[in-house]
Amino acid sequence: MYKTSFFKKFLLAVLAVFLYSCDKDFNAIGEGLVGDDHFGLESEKYDVLAFNQEVTPIQSNSMVTNALGIFDNPLFGTTTANFVTQIGLASYSPTIGASPVIDSVKIEIPYYSHVTAVDNQGNSTYELDSIYGDKNGKLKLSVYESGIQMRTSYFSGGSQLPQYYYTDQNTEFSNKKIGARLNDNKENLLENDEFFFDAKEVVIKTTNSDKTVTTERKKPQMTLHLNKQFFQDKILNAPTSKISAEDLFQEYFRGLYFNVEKSGSNPTNMALINFSEGKITIYYKAKTEATTDEDSTTENKTIVLNLKGTSSLTSSTANFLDSVRNPDYTAAITTNVNKTDGDEKLYLNGGPGSLAVLKLFNPTDVLSYNAKGEPVTGANGVPDELDEMRSNATVKNWKVNEANLVFYIDAAKMAGTEEPVRLYLYDFTNNNVLLDYSADDSSNYGGLITLGSDKRGQSYKIRITSHIRNLIKDATAKNVDLGLVVSQGPAIIAFNALKNRIQINNNPIEYFSVAPRTSVMNPLGTILYGGKKGGSPDSEQEKKRLKLEVYYTKPN
């Protein structure tokens, strides 16, 4: 399993800052990046060998954002997303009171949303973010008590190791769910059999004892009424020891399992949700503690349970992503992969989907260059194109101003489908960020989609200037493979472990063992032109195939 030490990440961050500072100094003397007009610069284009790589079942526990629903993608297939989470009491050893009786139990989980309008009465109109598929889609939603005690770590050989859960474990958790579903409100099928992600503002009006009305407003959320008898038995009538501490409680109440199915013939959709912001509130009555009250006098009380523990170290979740892939997509990322010449089209798809592996430069290696810039016959383990770049920089004093990879979208195939807004390029060999990477949208790194006049995607552009400069300046720098994935957000740079690593090279033996977490969190996909040569210069493949473009300042 993949493990990354904090110290290693810290050193990487320091190195990136240092190199960025050096890069700023380099720019200041007129040899760095310039605007997109590239005035006075000369460009050279280099080959890129790129091919598809399947992402098999992958770690999906303890992610900030998780998917719930069914997403039908006409190009890639259908993904069903279920979810399980541990829960915790907001306060342990609560004073429940005598003779408690539940009035209602409600679970509330806010959606990602933004306000589009506010009227003169203060009512807000919202639009939901991160909804994929038919906006009016419906689901059969069932919430169960989970029967599997999750954990965040385990001991092996005297060492404490992180516990992983994977995208393909839905059957295991489904088979261990306990009892009937908890969201069993028969009076409102919108809470179960005909559930949908509602964008309406939640407005709660309460009449106070003095007849005044208090209005509470909440952004759109999932609101389900849960079975009262279950929580009466499980919480209010629980043995005192079971609700005294988090470890004892999570062994006693092992969490909630959210399961989705198609709702009749209705279209479906999927939402990305931060479940950790959710809570369960038990509203109940218990006898008052005041000795002056009559024995039958009761008071209103609440107990709150959070859809998380007191910290990430005491709470675990998992997102289960079951995919039924389209045959053409399956073939493209398995049997039809061409690692020798590259693939004509690159299929990027989130979750247990696929990514692209990039090898910069034509792999031909039959010569090198001496100190005078003269070619010397014989392989040296470095692509000839890179040898030539290094020689031009040393002998001819060529300066790299900018280096880009432009990924053109296959617009014909992607027509009518949802497109990912962002791609992420990383060091595939070492599972690290590139020197050029920045989480700032205004940075030169790029990765965002470029739209045409029809509001459809045309391309993605990623700058790798620092990466190329480093390859040229440092003759010992390895020309690492690069990985390209769909991205959910620029700040997410952690990696998730594959359930079973995949051997990708025989000599030396190398494995594909992790993929970026940002890709696991994104359900979308795209089809790009690869680097394989397309024959005629006028062919669409040749005009749009992937190339490395480098802009130089060349002395007169």
Protein backbone atom coordinates (compact mmCIF):
# COMPACT_ATOMS: atom_id res chain seq x y z
CA MET A 1 0.00 0.00 0.00
CA TYR A 2 1.07 3.52 -0.68
CA LYS A 3 2.42 5.49 2.26
CA THR A 4 3.72 9.07 2.21
CA SER A 5 5.54 10.55 5.15
CA PHE A 6 4.76 14.02 6.37
CA PHE A 7 8.46 14.84 6.26
CA LYS A 8 8.69 13.97 2.56
CA LYS A 9 5.71 16.17 1.75
CA PHE A 10 7.20 19.01 3.79
CA LEU A 11 10.49 18.84 1.90
CA LEU A 12 8.60 18.83 -1.40
CA ALA A 13 6.67 21.94 -0.42
CA VAL A 14 9.85 23.75 0.63
CA LEU A 15 11.55 22.73 -2.63
CA ALA A 16 8.60 23.97 -4.69
CA VAL A 17 8.64 27.36 -2.93
CA PHE A 18 12.39 27.64 -3.41
CA LEU A 19 12.23 26.84 -7.11
CA TYR A 20 9.31 29.19 -7.57
CA SER A 21 11.37 31.97 -5.98
CA CYS A 22 14.25 31.16 -8.30
CA ASP A 23 11.82 31.20 -11.21
CA LYS A 24 10.63 34.67 -10.23
CA ASP A 25 14.24 35.90 -10.28
CA PHE A 26 14.73 34.25 -13.66
CA ASN A 27 11.67 36.03 -15.01
CA ALA A 28 12.87 39.35 -13.65
CA ILE A 29 15.87 39.43 -15.96
CA GLY A 30 13.73 38.87 -19.03
CA GLU A 31 14.23 35.17 -19.61
CA GLY A 32 11.01 33.81 -18.14
CA LEU A 33 7.35 33.64 -18.99
CA VAL A 34 5.71 36.17 -21.23
CA GLY A 35 2.15 36.76 -22.35
CA ASP A 36 0.16 34.47 -24.61
CA ASP A 37 1.03 36.55 -27.67
CA HIS A 38 4.61 35.11 -27.57
CA PHE A 39 5.86 38.20 -29.44
CA GLY A 40 9.39 37.78 -30.72
CA LEU A 41 9.65 34.16 -29.58
CA GLU A 42 10.22 31.05 -31.65
CA SER A 43 8.49 27.77 -30.90
CA GLU A 44 9.52 24.19 -31.34
CA LYS A 45 7.16 21.22 -31.07
CA TYR A 46 8.05 17.82 -29.69
CA ASP A 47 6.30 14.47 -29.69
CA VAL A 48 4.43 13.10 -26.69
CA LEU A 49 3.67 9.41 -26.33
CA ALA A 50 0.40 9.13 -24.42
CA PHE A 51 -1.77 6.11 -23.64
CA ASN A 52 -4.73 5.12 -21.49
CA GLN A 53 -4.43 3.48 -18.07
CA GLU A 54 -7.32 1.78 -16.30
CA VAL A 55 -7.95 2.75 -12.67
CA THR A 56 -9.17 -0.35 -10.84
CA PRO A 57 -10.97 -0.33 -7.43
CA ILE A 58 -9.40 2.39 -5.34
CA GLN A 59 -9.35 3.69 -1.78
CA SER A 60 -12.37 5.87 -1.05
CA ASN A 61 -12.42 6.37 2.70
CA SER A 62 -12.32 9.65 4.63
CA MET A 63 -12.73 11.94 1.61
CA VAL A 64 -14.17 15.39 2.26
CA THR A 65 -16.67 15.12 -0.59
CA ASN A 66 -18.54 11.93 -1.46
CA ALA A 67 -20.98 10.99 -4.21
CA LEU A 68 -24.54 9.73 -3.74
CA GLY A 69 -26.82 8.76 -6.60
CA ILE A 70 -26.82 7.19 -10.06
CA PHE A 71 -25.08 8.92 -12.96
CA ASP A 72 -25.68 7.76 -16.53
CA ASN A 73 -22.89 8.88 -18.83
CA PRO A 74 -23.60 7.97 -22.48
CA LEU A 75 -19.88 7.62 -23.26
CA PHE A 76 -18.49 5.92 -20.20
CA GLY A 77 -21.38 4.03 -18.59
CA THR A 78 -23.47 4.11 -15.41
CA THR A 79 -22.06 4.69 -11.93
CA THR A 80 -24.02 4.00 -8.74
CA ALA A 81 -22.66 5.74 -5.66
CA ASN A 82 -23.52 4.54 -2.14
CA PHE A 83 -22.03 5.79 1.11
CA VAL A 84 -21.32 4.69 4.68
CA THR A 85 -20.26 6.79 7.65
CA GLN A 86 -19.57 6.39 11.31
CA ILE A 87 -21.46 8.76 13.60
CA GLY A 88 -20.78 10.27 16.98
CA LEU A 89 -22.69 11.96 19.76
CA ALA A 90 -22.22 15.72 19.94
CA SER A 91 -21.78 15.25 23.69
CA TYR A 92 -21.06 11.96 25.47
CA SER A 93 -22.71 10.82 28.68
CA PRO A 94 -25.75 13.01 27.99
CA THR A 95 -28.37 13.58 30.66
CA ILE A 96 -31.35 12.03 28.94
CA GLY A 97 -33.91 12.45 31.70
CA ALA A 98 -36.56 10.22 33.17
CA SER A 99 -39.20 8.45 31.05
CA PRO A 100 -38.05 9.88 27.70
CA VAL A 101 -40.42 9.66 24.72
CA ILE A 102 -39.40 10.67 21.20
CA ASP A 103 -41.44 13.20 19.26
CA SER A 104 -39.40 12.97 16.03
CA VAL A 105 -35.97 12.21 14.62
CA LYS A 106 -34.59 14.21 11.73
CA ILE A 107 -31.39 13.93 9.69
CA GLU A 108 -30.18 17.07 7.90
CA ILE A 109 -27.31 17.17 5.41
CA PRO A 110 -26.64 20.45 3.52
CA TYR A 111 -25.96 20.46 -0.21
CA TYR A 112 -23.36 22.47 -2.08
CA SER A 113 -25.33 25.43 -3.42
CA HIS A 114 -25.25 29.14 -4.21
CA VAL A 115 -27.82 31.93 -4.11
CA THR A 116 -29.08 33.21 -7.47
CA ALA A 117 -31.68 35.72 -6.24
CA VAL A 118 -33.24 37.22 -3.08
CA ASP A 119 -36.73 38.75 -3.08
CA ASN A 120 -37.99 41.68 -0.99
CA GLN A 121 -39.30 39.26 1.65
CA GLY A 122 -35.83 37.85 2.24
CA ASN A 123 -36.55 34.56 0.46
CA SER A 124 -33.53 33.17 -1.39
CA THR A 125 -33.51 31.23 -4.63
CA TYR A 126 -30.74 28.66 -4.79
CA GLU A 127 -29.04 26.60 -7.44
CA LEU A 128 -27.41 23.33 -6.45
CA ASP A 129 -23.75 22.78 -7.26
CA SER A 130 -22.14 19.44 -8.08
CA ILE A 131 -25.30 17.78 -9.42
CA TYR A 132 -24.65 15.41 -12.33
CA GLY A 133 -27.22 13.93 -14.67
CA ASP A 134 -30.87 14.92 -15.07
CA LYS A 135 -31.59 17.93 -12.84
CA ASN A 136 -35.06 16.49 -12.18
CA GLY A 137 -33.84 13.00 -11.50
CA LYS A 138 -35.28 10.86 -8.71
CA LEU A 139 -33.85 8.03 -6.62
CA LYS A 140 -35.03 5.36 -4.26
CA LEU A 141 -33.04 6.27 -1.15
CA SER A 142 -32.71 3.95 1.84
CA VAL A 143 -30.78 4.66 5.04
CA TYR A 144 -29.84 1.68 7.22
CA GLU A 145 -27.94 0.96 10.39
CA SER A 146 -24.53 -0.29 9.32
CA GLY A 147 -23.43 -3.69 10.60
CA ILE A 148 -19.69 -3.26 10.00
CA GLN A 149 -17.53 -1.56 12.60
CA MET A 150 -15.19 0.70 10.67
CA ARG A 151 -11.79 1.75 11.90
CA THR A 152 -9.20 4.30 10.88
CA SER A 153 -6.13 2.13 11.55
CA TYR A 154 -4.98 -1.36 12.47
CA PHE A 155 -1.86 -3.01 13.87
CA SER A 156 0.35 -5.35 11.87
CA GLY A 157 3.78 -6.59 12.90
CA GLY A 158 3.93 -4.09 15.73
CA SER A 159 3.19 -1.11 13.47
CA GLN A 160 0.03 0.97 13.28
CA LEU A 161 -1.16 1.23 9.68
CA PRO A 162 -4.02 3.18 8.10
CA GLN A 163 -7.19 1.22 7.35
CA TYR A 164 -8.43 1.64 3.79
CA TYR A 165 -11.88 1.03 2.36
CA TYR A 166 -12.39 0.74 -1.40
CA THR A 167 -14.86 1.68 -4.10
CA ASP A 168 -15.85 -1.97 -4.74
CA GLN A 169 -16.98 -2.88 -1.20
CA ASN A 170 -20.67 -2.01 -1.55
CA THR A 171 -21.84 -5.63 -1.55
CA GLU A 172 -19.94 -6.32 1.66
CA PHE A 173 -21.57 -3.41 3.49
CA SER A 174 -25.00 -3.98 1.92
CA ASN A 175 -25.02 -7.59 3.09
CA LYS A 176 -24.22 -6.51 6.65
CA LYS A 177 -26.82 -3.75 6.98
CA ILE A 178 -29.12 -4.20 9.96
CA GLY A 179 -32.91 -4.21 9.98
CA ALA A 180 -35.34 -2.22 7.87
CA ARG A 181 -34.57 1.16 6.39
CA LEU A 182 -34.76 4.05 8.84
CA ASN A 183 -36.20 6.70 6.50
CA ASP A 184 -39.56 4.91 6.43
CA ASN A 185 -41.88 7.91 6.26
CA LYS A 186 -44.85 6.50 4.33
CA GLU A 187 -46.61 9.86 4.25
CA ASN A 188 -43.87 11.52 2.21
CA LEU A 189 -42.30 9.40 -0.52
CA LEU A 190 -39.96 12.28 -1.37
CA GLU A 191 -37.94 11.14 1.64
CA ASN A 192 -37.42 7.61 0.31
CA ASP A 193 -38.95 6.00 -2.80
CA GLU A 194 -39.13 9.23 -4.83
CA PHE A 195 -36.26 11.16 -3.29
CA PHE A 196 -34.70 14.04 -5.20
CA PHE A 197 -32.08 16.70 -4.47
CA ASP A 198 -34.28 19.70 -3.68
CA ALA A 199 -32.88 23.18 -4.38
CA LYS A 200 -35.48 25.00 -2.26
CA GLU A 201 -34.47 27.13 0.68
CA VAL A 202 -35.55 25.60 3.99
CA VAL A 203 -37.74 28.02 5.93
CA ILE A 204 -38.79 27.12 9.49
CA LYS A 205 -41.27 29.37 11.31
CA THR A 206 -41.76 28.94 15.04
CA THR A 207 -44.49 30.61 17.11
CA ASN A 208 -43.12 31.65 20.49
CA SER A 209 -44.98 31.74 23.81
CA ASP A 210 -45.56 35.47 23.38
CA LYS A 211 -47.20 34.82 19.98
CA THR A 212 -44.26 36.26 18.03
CA VAL A 213 -42.97 34.27 15.06
CA THR A 214 -39.31 33.39 14.61
CA THR A 215 -38.12 32.55 11.10
CA GLU A 216 -35.08 30.35 10.54
CA ARG A 217 -33.61 30.00 7.05
CA LYS A 218 -31.30 27.24 5.89
CA LYS A 219 -29.66 26.58 2.57
CA PRO A 220 -30.92 23.55 0.59
CA GLN A 221 -30.38 20.27 2.38
CA MET A 222 -31.38 16.64 2.60
CA THR A 223 -34.05 16.35 5.29
CA LEU A 224 -35.30 12.90 6.26
CA HIS A 225 -37.47 11.81 9.17
CA LEU A 226 -36.08 8.62 10.69
CA ASN A 227 -37.75 5.80 12.57
CA LYS A 228 -38.58 6.93 16.11
CA GLN A 229 -38.66 3.50 17.73
CA PHE A 230 -35.18 2.69 16.49
CA PHE A 231 -33.67 5.76 18.13
CA GLN A 232 -35.80 5.29 21.24
CA ASP A 233 -34.23 1.87 21.70
CA LYS A 234 -30.76 2.66 20.36
CA ILE A 235 -30.11 6.01 22.05
CA LEU A 236 -32.63 6.99 24.71
CA ASN A 237 -32.83 3.47 26.19
CA ALA A 238 -29.14 2.68 25.63
CA PRO A 239 -27.02 1.28 28.45
CA THR A 240 -25.16 4.19 30.06
CA SER A 241 -21.74 2.73 29.26
CA LYS A 242 -22.50 2.58 25.51
CA ILE A 243 -22.95 6.35 25.24
CA SER A 244 -20.17 7.38 27.59
CA ALA A 245 -17.25 7.54 25.12
CA GLU A 246 -16.74 7.58 21.37
CA ASP A 247 -14.94 4.24 21.02
CA LEU A 248 -17.63 2.44 22.99
CA PHE A 249 -20.41 4.23 21.13
CA GLN A 250 -19.03 3.47 17.66
CA GLU A 251 -18.72 -0.20 18.52
CA TYR A 252 -22.34 -0.11 19.76
CA PHE A 253 -23.81 2.00 16.92
CA ARG A 254 -21.63 1.28 13.89
CA GLY A 255 -22.89 3.98 11.59
CA LEU A 256 -25.31 4.66 8.75
CA TYR A 257 -25.33 3.13 5.28
CA PHE A 258 -26.93 5.17 2.44
CA ASN A 259 -28.14 3.05 -0.49
CA VAL A 260 -29.63 4.26 -3.78
CA GLU A 261 -31.60 2.51 -6.51
CA LYS A 262 -33.59 3.62 -9.53
CA SER A 263 -36.99 5.08 -8.68
CA GLY A 264 -39.28 3.32 -11.12
CA SER A 265 -38.80 4.64 -14.64
CA ASN A 266 -37.66 8.09 -13.49
CA PRO A 267 -34.34 9.50 -14.73
CA THR A 268 -31.58 9.56 -12.11
CA ASN A 269 -28.80 11.88 -11.00
CA MET A 270 -25.90 12.12 -8.59
CA ALA A 271 -24.73 14.74 -6.09
CA LEU A 272 -21.42 15.39 -4.40
CA ILE A 273 -22.04 16.02 -0.71
CA ASN A 274 -20.00 16.87 2.38
CA PHE A 275 -21.69 14.38 4.71
CA SER A 276 -19.55 15.46 7.66
CA GLU A 277 -21.66 18.63 7.89
CA GLY A 278 -24.75 16.52 8.51
CA LYS A 279 -26.40 15.78 11.83
CA ILE A 280 -29.23 13.78 13.38
CA THR A 281 -31.45 15.53 15.92
CA ILE A 282 -33.62 13.55 18.31
CA TYR A 283 -36.53 15.63 19.61
CA TYR A 284 -38.11 14.13 22.73
CA LYS A 285 -39.84 14.81 26.03
CA ALA A 286 -38.64 13.74 29.47
CA LYS A 287 -39.79 14.43 32.99
CA THR A 288 -38.44 17.66 34.40
CA GLU A 289 -35.66 17.56 36.95
CA ALA A 290 -37.28 20.29 39.07
CA THR A 291 -38.53 18.78 42.33
CA THR A 292 -41.32 21.35 42.55
CA ASP A 293 -42.99 20.17 39.35
CA GLU A 294 -45.68 17.54 39.30
CA ASP A 295 -44.45 14.04 38.56
CA SER A 296 -46.15 14.05 35.15
CA THR A 297 -44.60 17.36 34.01
CA THR A 298 -42.28 17.01 31.00
CA GLU A 299 -39.91 19.27 29.13
CA ASN A 300 -38.69 19.34 25.53
CA LYS A 301 -35.15 18.08 25.02
CA THR A 302 -32.82 17.20 22.14
CA ILE A 303 -29.85 14.97 21.52
CA VAL A 304 -27.61 15.58 18.50
CA LEU A 305 -25.55 13.01 16.64
CA ASN A 306 -23.00 14.14 14.06
CA LEU A 307 -22.18 12.25 10.87
CA LYS A 308 -18.56 12.13 12.03
CA GLY A 309 -16.53 11.55 15.15
CA THR A 310 -14.84 14.12 17.31
CA SER A 311 -11.88 14.13 14.89
CA SER A 312 -10.71 12.53 11.66
CA LEU A 313 -8.67 10.11 13.77
CA THR A 314 -11.81 8.65 15.33
CA SER A 315 -14.13 8.62 12.34
CA SER A 316 -14.20 6.84 9.00
CA THR A 317 -16.35 6.94 5.88
CA ALA A 318 -16.34 5.16 2.53
CA ASN A 319 -17.81 5.87 -0.89
CA PHE A 320 -18.81 2.84 -2.97
CA LEU A 321 -18.75 3.40 -6.74
CA ASP A 322 -20.18 0.56 -8.82
CA SER A 323 -19.67 1.16 -12.53
CA VAL A 324 -21.17 -0.61 -15.52
CA ARG A 325 -18.88 0.53 -18.33
CA ASN A 326 -19.80 0.90 -21.98
CA PRO A 327 -18.04 -1.73 -24.15
CA ASP A 328 -16.18 0.82 -26.33
CA TYR A 329 -14.83 2.60 -23.26
CA THR A 330 -13.78 -0.68 -21.65
CA ALA A 331 -11.87 -1.70 -24.78
CA ALA A 332 -10.17 1.71 -25.05
CA ILE A 333 -8.65 1.47 -21.57
CA THR A 334 -7.84 -2.26 -21.54
CA THR A 335 -7.38 -4.41 -24.65
CA ASN A 336 -6.82 -1.55 -27.14
CA VAL A 337 -4.14 0.35 -25.20
CA ASN A 338 -1.05 1.01 -27.35
CA LYS A 339 1.98 1.76 -25.19
CA THR A 340 4.37 1.64 -28.15
CA ASP A 341 2.87 4.23 -30.50
CA GLY A 342 0.42 5.84 -28.07
CA ASP A 343 -3.36 5.98 -28.28
CA GLU A 344 -5.26 8.16 -30.72
CA LYS A 345 -7.76 9.15 -28.03
CA LEU A 346 -7.25 9.55 -24.30
CA TYR A 347 -10.15 8.59 -22.04
CA LEU A 348 -10.13 10.32 -18.66
CA ASN A 349 -12.83 9.31 -16.21
CA GLY A 350 -13.10 9.82 -12.46
CA GLY A 351 -13.58 7.27 -9.69
CA PRO A 352 -12.45 3.74 -10.61
CA GLY A 353 -12.23 4.89 -14.21
CA SER A 354 -9.13 5.81 -16.20
CA LEU A 355 -6.27 8.26 -16.59
CA ALA A 356 -3.63 8.95 -19.22
CA VAL A 357 0.12 8.33 -18.96
CA LEU A 358 2.36 10.75 -20.84
CA LYS A 359 5.97 10.21 -21.91
CA LEU A 360 7.50 13.45 -23.14
CA PHE A 361 9.50 13.34 -26.39
CA ASN A 362 9.85 10.75 -29.11
CA PRO A 363 11.42 7.67 -27.47
CA THR A 364 14.06 7.32 -30.22
CA ASP A 365 17.52 7.13 -28.62
CA VAL A 366 20.35 6.60 -31.12
CA LEU A 367 22.69 9.53 -30.45
CA SER A 368 23.87 12.25 -28.06
CA TYR A 369 25.78 15.55 -28.41
CA ASN A 370 29.29 16.52 -27.42
CA ALA A 371 30.41 19.82 -25.87
CA LYS A 372 30.60 21.43 -29.32
CA GLY A 373 27.02 20.50 -30.16
CA GLU A 374 28.06 17.78 -32.58
CA PRO A 375 26.01 14.56 -32.69
CA VAL A 376 27.66 11.42 -31.38
CA THR A 377 26.29 8.08 -32.52
CA GLY A 378 25.13 5.73 -29.78
CA ALA A 379 22.26 5.44 -27.33
CA ASN A 380 22.68 7.12 -23.94
CA GLY A 381 19.36 6.36 -22.23
CA VAL A 382 17.95 9.82 -23.05
CA PRO A 383 15.46 10.62 -25.84
CA ASP A 384 17.26 12.28 -28.76
CA GLU A 385 14.85 15.23 -28.66
CA LEU A 386 15.81 15.96 -25.06
CA ASP A 387 19.50 15.58 -25.90
CA GLU A 388 19.05 18.18 -28.64
CA MET A 389 17.25 20.58 -26.27
CA ARG A 390 20.08 20.34 -23.76
CA SER A 391 22.67 20.90 -26.45
CA ASN A 392 20.83 23.94 -27.85
CA ALA A 393 20.63 25.46 -24.38
CA THR A 394 24.34 24.88 -23.67
CA VAL A 395 25.92 25.53 -27.05
CA LYS A 396 23.47 27.91 -28.75
CA ASN A 397 22.27 29.62 -25.57
CA TRP A 398 18.58 29.01 -26.28
CA LYS A 399 16.41 30.12 -23.36
CA VAL A 400 13.08 28.48 -22.54
CA ASN A 401 10.41 31.11 -22.02
CA GLU A 402 7.39 28.84 -21.90
CA ALA A 403 6.45 25.20 -22.32
CA ASN A 404 2.86 24.01 -22.79
CA LEU A 405 0.80 20.90 -23.27
CA VAL A 406 -2.51 21.60 -25.02
CA PHE A 407 -5.08 18.81 -24.84
CA TYR A 408 -7.76 19.13 -27.52
CA ILE A 409 -11.19 17.71 -26.76
CA ASP A 410 -12.87 15.32 -29.17
CA ALA A 411 -15.88 17.62 -29.50
CA ALA A 412 -17.82 15.24 -31.74
CA LYS A 413 -17.74 12.41 -29.21
CA MET A 414 -18.29 14.71 -26.22
CA ALA A 415 -21.32 16.45 -27.76
CA GLY A 416 -24.22 16.61 -25.33
CA THR A 417 -22.29 15.24 -22.34
CA GLU A 418 -21.19 17.02 -19.16
CA GLU A 419 -17.53 18.05 -19.25
CA PRO A 420 -15.04 18.31 -16.37
CA VAL A 421 -13.99 21.89 -15.70
CA ARG A 422 -10.44 21.03 -14.72
CA LEU A 423 -7.65 18.55 -15.43
CA TYR A 424 -4.65 17.79 -13.23
CA LEU A 425 -1.18 16.85 -14.49
CA TYR A 426 1.27 15.27 -12.06
CA ASP A 427 4.49 13.29 -11.74
CA PHE A 428 3.22 9.76 -12.41
CA THR A 429 6.58 8.10 -11.72
CA ASN A 430 6.98 9.48 -8.20
CA ASN A 431 3.34 10.33 -7.37
CA ASN A 432 4.08 13.98 -6.72
CA VAL A 433 3.03 17.42 -7.89
CA LEU A 434 5.03 19.07 -10.66
CA LEU A 435 7.18 22.12 -9.97
CA ASP A 436 4.77 24.23 -12.02
CA TYR A 437 1.70 23.24 -10.03
CA SER A 438 -0.30 25.87 -8.20
CA ALA A 439 -3.70 25.71 -6.54
CA ASP A 440 -4.29 29.33 -7.52
CA ASP A 441 -6.70 29.63 -10.46
CA SER A 442 -4.94 32.83 -11.55
CA SER A 443 -1.55 31.10 -11.82
CA ASN A 444 0.18 30.15 -15.05
CA TYR A 445 -0.25 26.42 -14.41
CA GLY A 446 -3.67 26.24 -16.07
CA GLY A 447 -5.68 23.05 -16.39
CA LEU A 448 -9.05 24.79 -16.76
CA ILE A 449 -11.30 24.10 -19.73
CA THR A 450 -11.32 26.56 -22.64
CA LEU A 451 -14.82 27.07 -24.04
CA GLY A 452 -15.87 27.93 -27.55
CA SER A 453 -18.63 30.33 -28.64
CA ASP A 454 -21.10 27.46 -28.23
CA LYS A 455 -20.11 27.14 -24.54
CA ARG A 456 -18.69 23.69 -25.23
CA GLY A 457 -15.17 22.67 -24.36
CA GLN A 458 -12.38 23.05 -26.91
CA SER A 459 -9.21 22.28 -24.99
CA TYR A 460 -7.23 22.27 -21.75
CA LYS A 461 -3.84 23.98 -21.52
CA ILE A 462 -1.24 23.16 -18.86
CA ARG A 463 2.09 24.96 -18.54
CA ILE A 464 5.10 22.88 -17.54
CA THR A 465 7.81 25.50 -18.01
CA SER A 466 9.68 24.83 -14.78
CA HIS A 467 9.54 21.10 -15.38
CA ILE A 468 11.13 21.48 -18.84
CA ARG A 469 13.74 23.99 -17.63
CA ASN A 470 14.78 21.56 -14.93
CA LEU A 471 15.11 18.71 -17.45
CA ILE A 472 17.35 20.90 -19.61
CA LYS A 473 19.54 22.39 -16.88
CA ASP A 474 20.06 19.19 -14.90
CA ALA A 475 21.54 16.41 -17.02
CA THR A 476 20.86 13.97 -14.17
CA ALA A 477 17.15 14.82 -13.99
CA LYS A 478 14.97 11.86 -14.95
CA ASN A 479 12.41 12.36 -17.69
CA VAL A 480 9.58 11.06 -15.53
CA ASP A 481 6.24 9.87 -16.84
CA LEU A 482 3.34 12.27 -16.30
CA GLY A 483 -0.20 11.39 -15.29
CA LEU A 484 -3.33 13.23 -16.43
CA VAL A 485 -6.67 12.97 -14.62
CA VAL A 486 -9.96 14.81 -14.24
CA SER A 487 -9.88 17.02 -11.15
CA GLN A 488 -12.49 17.98 -8.58
CA GLY A 489 -10.50 20.91 -7.18
CA PRO A 490 -7.03 22.48 -7.26
CA ALA A 491 -6.34 22.17 -3.52
CA ILE A 492 -6.67 18.37 -3.47
CA ILE A 493 -3.24 16.88 -4.10
CA ALA A 494 -3.31 13.74 -1.93
CA PHE A 495 -3.23 10.25 -3.46
CA ASN A 496 -5.46 7.22 -2.86
CA ALA A 497 -4.21 3.65 -2.99
CA LEU A 498 -5.40 1.10 -5.53
CA LYS A 499 -6.80 -2.03 -3.93
CA ASN A 500 -4.44 -4.12 -6.05
CA ARG A 501 -1.39 -2.52 -7.60
CA ILE A 502 -0.83 -3.05 -11.34
CA GLN A 503 2.53 -3.93 -12.84
CA ILE A 504 3.15 -1.52 -15.71
CA ASN A 505 6.82 -2.23 -16.59
CA ASN A 506 8.92 -5.38 -16.69
CA ASN A 507 12.41 -3.89 -16.84
CA PRO A 508 12.76 -2.32 -14.41
CA ILE A 509 9.72 -3.68 -12.58
CA GLU A 510 7.37 -0.79 -11.85
CA TYR A 511 3.86 -0.65 -10.44
CA PHE A 512 0.88 1.65 -10.74
CA SER A 513 -0.31 1.75 -7.13
CA VAL A 514 -2.00 5.10 -6.43
CA ALA A 515 -4.07 7.74 -8.22
CA PRO A 516 -4.87 11.35 -7.31
CA ARG A 517 -7.73 11.70 -4.82
CA THR A 518 -9.07 14.64 -6.80
CA SER A 519 -9.91 12.21 -9.62
CA VAL A 520 -11.64 9.71 -7.33
CA MET A 521 -13.96 12.53 -6.20
CA ASN A 522 -14.98 13.59 -9.73
CA PRO A 523 -17.63 11.50 -11.55
CA LEU A 524 -17.13 13.14 -14.95
CA GLY A 525 -15.04 12.12 -17.93
CA THR A 526 -13.67 13.51 -21.17
CA ILE A 527 -12.13 12.24 -24.41
CA LEU A 528 -8.99 13.99 -25.67
CA TYR A 529 -6.77 13.66 -28.71
CA GLY A 530 -3.68 11.63 -27.91
CA GLY A 531 -0.17 11.99 -29.29
CA LYS A 532 -0.35 9.25 -31.91
CA LYS A 533 0.47 10.48 -35.38
CA GLY A 534 -2.55 10.65 -37.65
CA GLY A 535 -1.06 10.24 -41.13
CA SER A 536 -2.05 13.12 -43.42
CA PRO A 537 -1.08 16.62 -42.17
CA ASP A 538 -4.66 17.69 -42.89
CA SER A 539 -6.24 14.95 -40.79
CA GLU A 540 -8.07 15.95 -37.62
CA GLN A 541 -5.89 13.61 -35.57
CA GLU A 542 -2.68 15.18 -36.86
CA LYS A 543 -3.86 18.77 -36.41
CA LYS A 544 -5.08 18.19 -32.86
CA ARG A 545 -2.77 15.49 -31.61
CA LEU A 546 -0.96 16.13 -28.36
CA LYS A 547 2.44 17.82 -28.62
CA LEU A 548 4.81 19.61 -26.31
CA GLU A 549 5.24 23.20 -27.49
CA VAL A 550 8.25 25.14 -26.21
CA TYR A 551 8.84 28.84 -26.81
CA TYR A 552 12.47 29.96 -26.92
CA THR A 553 14.46 33.14 -26.95
CA LYS A 554 17.20 32.49 -29.51
CA PRO A 555 20.28 34.77 -29.81
CA ASN A 556 20.81 36.40 -33.21
